Structures are given as C-alpha cells and as structure tokens.
Amino acid sequence: MKLFDHLIQEKAQLEVKVLVSRLDASVCEEFKRYIDSLWAENLQQITLDMSSVHFIDSSGVGALIGIQKRWGRGTIMLRGVTSHVRSVIELLRLQREFTLLDE
C-alpha cells in the first residue's frame, strides 16, 4: 500500500500527498525517509497535502518539526489540515512554524 505520493510542480516546488489517515509512530520513520529522499538542492518549497490525515500524535508532530528543521523554516506548507490536526498544531502553538493553507 502506498503511504505517500508526490508531484513536482516546478523545479523549486514539490507537493506531497500524505495518504495515511494517522500520522503516528507506526509511519513516521518511513514518512521522514520519504521526504528526505525527495531533497534537491534547488527545492525551495514543499506543500504537504494533509487532507487524509485525521489523527496526529507526538511522533507525527515531531516528524513535521524535524522536516522543517532539516529543510529550513518557511519551506514547509500544510494544505487541507483537518480539524484534529489543526487543533493539535494550534494547541502546541506551531502555526507560526508552518504555513497553513486553506483549500
């Protein structure tokens, strides 16, 4: 089963569709490896489509923060954030770290 998929929109932009409903400890290592495998020197922005993710735990939050730190602040954008994921991000005051895109 495919957990993630990606589309290079332009040379400097990448969109990743997160296909799992839970971003938790069971998939986080694979998620981080997948994102890291897409690294390119000229990549300036990654948009993560989170519309399928209905649950995120501390491992998932840690994965997002780790990716943001590795790739650089302002690089990661989250699209289609569900109410549970948004509430976790806001509870932890991480909305300053990620650009949240509304659909």
C-alpha atoms as a PDB file:
ATOM      1  CA  MET A   1       0.000   0.000   0.000  1.00  0.00           C
ATOM      2  CA  LYS A   2       1.305   3.413  -0.964  1.00  0.00           C
ATOM      3  CA  LEU A   3       1.574   5.740   2.055  1.00  0.00           C
ATOM      4  CA  PHE A   4       2.755   8.886   0.294  1.00  0.00           C
ATOM      5  CA  ASP A   5       2.860  10.296  -3.217  1.00  0.00           C
ATOM      6  CA  HIS A   6       4.471  13.370  -4.705  1.00  0.00           C
ATOM      7  CA  LEU A   7       4.272  15.716  -7.638  1.00  0.00           C
ATOM      8  CA  ILE A   8       6.952  18.153  -8.709  1.00  0.00           C
ATOM      9  CA  GLN A   9       5.008  21.250  -9.716  1.00  0.00           C
ATOM     10  CA  GLU A  10       8.014  23.271 -10.742  1.00  0.00           C
ATOM     11  CA  LYS A  11      11.704  22.649 -10.266  1.00  0.00           C
ATOM     12  CA  ALA A  12      11.741  24.527  -6.964  1.00  0.00           C
ATOM     13  CA  GLN A  13       8.341  23.321  -5.658  1.00  0.00           C
ATOM     14  CA  LEU A  14       7.158  19.917  -4.551  1.00  0.00           C
ATOM     15  CA  GLU A  15       3.749  18.720  -3.391  1.00  0.00           C
ATOM     16  CA  VAL A  16       3.490  15.580  -1.255  1.00  0.00           C
ATOM     17  CA  LYS A  17       0.138  13.878  -0.688  1.00  0.00           C
ATOM     18  CA  VAL A  18       0.066  12.110   2.685  1.00  0.00           C
ATOM     19  CA  LEU A  19      -2.209   9.124   2.031  1.00  0.00           C
ATOM     20  CA  VAL A  20      -2.390   7.720   5.566  1.00  0.00           C
ATOM     21  CA  SER A  21      -5.197   8.638   7.968  1.00  0.00           C
ATOM     22  CA  ARG A  22      -2.887   8.538  11.006  1.00  0.00           C
ATOM     23  CA  LEU A  23       0.472  10.280  11.171  1.00  0.00           C
ATOM     24  CA  ASP A  24       1.808   8.455  14.208  1.00  0.00           C
ATOM     25  CA  ALA A  25       4.745   6.334  15.377  1.00  0.00           C
ATOM     26  CA  SER A  26       3.809   3.491  13.023  1.00  0.00           C
ATOM     27  CA  VAL A  27       4.580   5.551   9.877  1.00  0.00           C
ATOM     28  CA  CYS A  28       6.760   8.479  10.993  1.00  0.00           C
ATOM     29  CA  GLU A  29      10.153   6.977  10.229  1.00  0.00           C
ATOM     30  CA  GLU A  30       9.022   5.988   6.750  1.00  0.00           C
ATOM     31  CA  PHE A  31       7.475   9.451   6.289  1.00  0.00           C
ATOM     32  CA  LYS A  32      10.745  11.189   7.224  1.00  0.00           C
ATOM     33  CA  ARG A  33      12.774   8.887   4.943  1.00  0.00           C
ATOM     34  CA  TYR A  34      10.353   9.520   2.074  1.00  0.00           C
ATOM     35  CA  ILE A  35      10.545  13.302   2.453  1.00  0.00           C
ATOM     36  CA  ASP A  36      14.342  13.198   2.804  1.00  0.00           C
ATOM     37  CA  SER A  37      14.591  11.093  -0.379  1.00  0.00           C
ATOM     38  CA  LEU A  38      12.961  13.949  -2.305  1.00  0.00           C
ATOM     39  CA  TRP A  39      15.560  16.509  -1.264  1.00  0.00           C
ATOM     40  CA  ALA A  40      17.007  18.503  -4.121  1.00  0.00           C
ATOM     41  CA  GLU A  41      19.449  21.359  -3.900  1.00  0.00           C
ATOM     42  CA  ASN A  42      17.173  23.782  -5.738  1.00  0.00           C
ATOM     43  CA  LEU A  43      13.997  22.840  -3.844  1.00  0.00           C
ATOM     44  CA  GLN A  44      12.581  25.884  -2.095  1.00  0.00           C
ATOM     45  CA  GLN A  45       9.113  24.819  -1.003  1.00  0.00           C
ATOM     46  CA  ILE A  46       7.267  21.639  -0.035  1.00  0.00           C
ATOM     47  CA  THR A  47       3.495  21.546   0.291  1.00  0.00           C
ATOM     48  CA  LEU A  48       2.201  18.623   2.340  1.00  0.00           C
ATOM     49  CA  ASP A  49      -1.396  17.743   1.491  1.00  0.00           C
ATOM     50  CA  MET A  50      -2.694  16.597   4.875  1.00  0.00           C
ATOM     51  CA  SER A  51      -6.368  16.211   3.897  1.00  0.00           C
ATOM     52  CA  SER A  52      -6.288  12.430   4.502  1.00  0.00           C
ATOM     53  CA  VAL A  53      -4.706  12.751   7.953  1.00  0.00           C
ATOM     54  CA  HIS A  54      -7.363  12.672  10.680  1.00  0.00           C
ATOM     55  CA  PHE A  55      -5.053  11.865  13.604  1.00  0.00           C
ATOM     56  CA  ILE A  56      -1.584  13.049  14.555  1.00  0.00           C
ATOM     57  CA  ASP A  57       0.346  12.191  17.711  1.00  0.00           C
ATOM     58  CA  SER A  58       3.606  13.460  19.186  1.00  0.00           C
ATOM     59  CA  SER A  59       5.603  11.320  16.742  1.00  0.00           C
ATOM     60  CA  GLY A  60       3.804  12.911  13.808  1.00  0.00           C
ATOM     61  CA  VAL A  61       4.322  16.396  15.200  1.00  0.00           C
ATOM     62  CA  GLY A  62       7.979  15.558  15.812  1.00  0.00           C
ATOM     63  CA  ALA A  63       8.334  14.365  12.220  1.00  0.00           C
ATOM     64  CA  LEU A  64       6.885  17.629  10.879  1.00  0.00           C
ATOM     65  CA  ILE A  65       9.164  19.703  13.115  1.00  0.00           C
ATOM     66  CA  GLY A  66      12.193  17.592  12.169  1.00  0.00           C
ATOM     67  CA  ILE A  67      11.454  18.017   8.471  1.00  0.00           C
ATOM     68  CA  GLN A  68      11.016  21.751   8.950  1.00  0.00           C
ATOM     69  CA  LYS A  69      14.382  21.991  10.745  1.00  0.00           C
ATOM     70  CA  ARG A  70      16.198  19.945   8.090  1.00  0.00           C
ATOM     71  CA  TRP A  71      14.676  21.785   5.149  1.00  0.00           C
ATOM     72  CA  GLY A  72      14.586  25.279   6.622  1.00  0.00           C
ATOM     73  CA  ARG A  73      11.946  27.461   8.182  1.00  0.00           C
ATOM     74  CA  GLY A  74       9.252  28.716   5.829  1.00  0.00           C
ATOM     75  CA  THR A  75       9.833  25.886   3.402  1.00  0.00           C
ATOM     76  CA  ILE A  76       7.031  23.583   4.575  1.00  0.00           C
ATOM     77  CA  MET A  77       3.399  24.406   3.873  1.00  0.00           C
ATOM     78  CA  LEU A  78       0.472  22.304   5.101  1.00  0.00           C
ATOM     79  CA  ARG A  79      -2.650  22.077   2.930  1.00  0.00           C
ATOM     80  CA  GLY A  80      -6.022  20.539   3.794  1.00  0.00           C
ATOM     81  CA  VAL A  81      -5.331  20.324   7.516  1.00  0.00           C
ATOM     82  CA  THR A  82      -8.227  18.535   9.246  1.00  0.00           C
ATOM     83  CA  SER A  83      -9.797  19.880  12.434  1.00  0.00           C
ATOM     84  CA  HIS A  84      -7.987  17.421  14.747  1.00  0.00           C
ATOM     85  CA  VAL A  85      -4.586  18.101  13.211  1.00  0.00           C
ATOM     86  CA  ARG A  86      -5.224  21.863  13.226  1.00  0.00           C
ATOM     87  CA  SER A  87      -6.228  21.767  16.908  1.00  0.00           C
ATOM     88  CA  VAL A  88      -3.012  19.906  17.806  1.00  0.00           C
ATOM     89  CA  ILE A  89      -0.911  22.397  15.824  1.00  0.00           C
ATOM     90  CA  GLU A  90      -2.672  25.333  17.491  1.00  0.00           C
ATOM     91  CA  LEU A  91      -2.500  23.772  20.967  1.00  0.00           C
ATOM     92  CA  LEU A  92       1.267  23.457  20.561  1.00  0.00           C
ATOM     93  CA  ARG A  93       1.448  26.944  19.012  1.00  0.00           C
ATOM     94  CA  LEU A  94       3.119  25.599  15.894  1.00  0.00           C
ATOM     95  CA  GLN A  95       1.058  27.643  13.449  1.00  0.00           C
ATOM     96  CA  ARG A  96       3.991  30.089  13.453  1.00  0.00           C
ATOM     97  CA  GLU A  97       6.323  27.346  12.240  1.00  0.00           C
ATOM     98  CA  PHE A  98       4.227  26.149   9.294  1.00  0.00           C
ATOM     99  CA  THR A  99       2.190  27.972   6.709  1.00  0.00           C
ATOM    100  CA  LEU A 100      -1.338  26.532   6.885  1.00  0.00           C
ATOM    101  CA  LEU A 101      -3.092  26.750   3.531  1.00  0.00           C
ATOM    102  CA  ASP A 102      -6.868  26.663   3.377  1.00  0.00           C
ATOM    103  CA  GLU A 103      -8.472  24.837   0.494  1.00  0.00           C
END
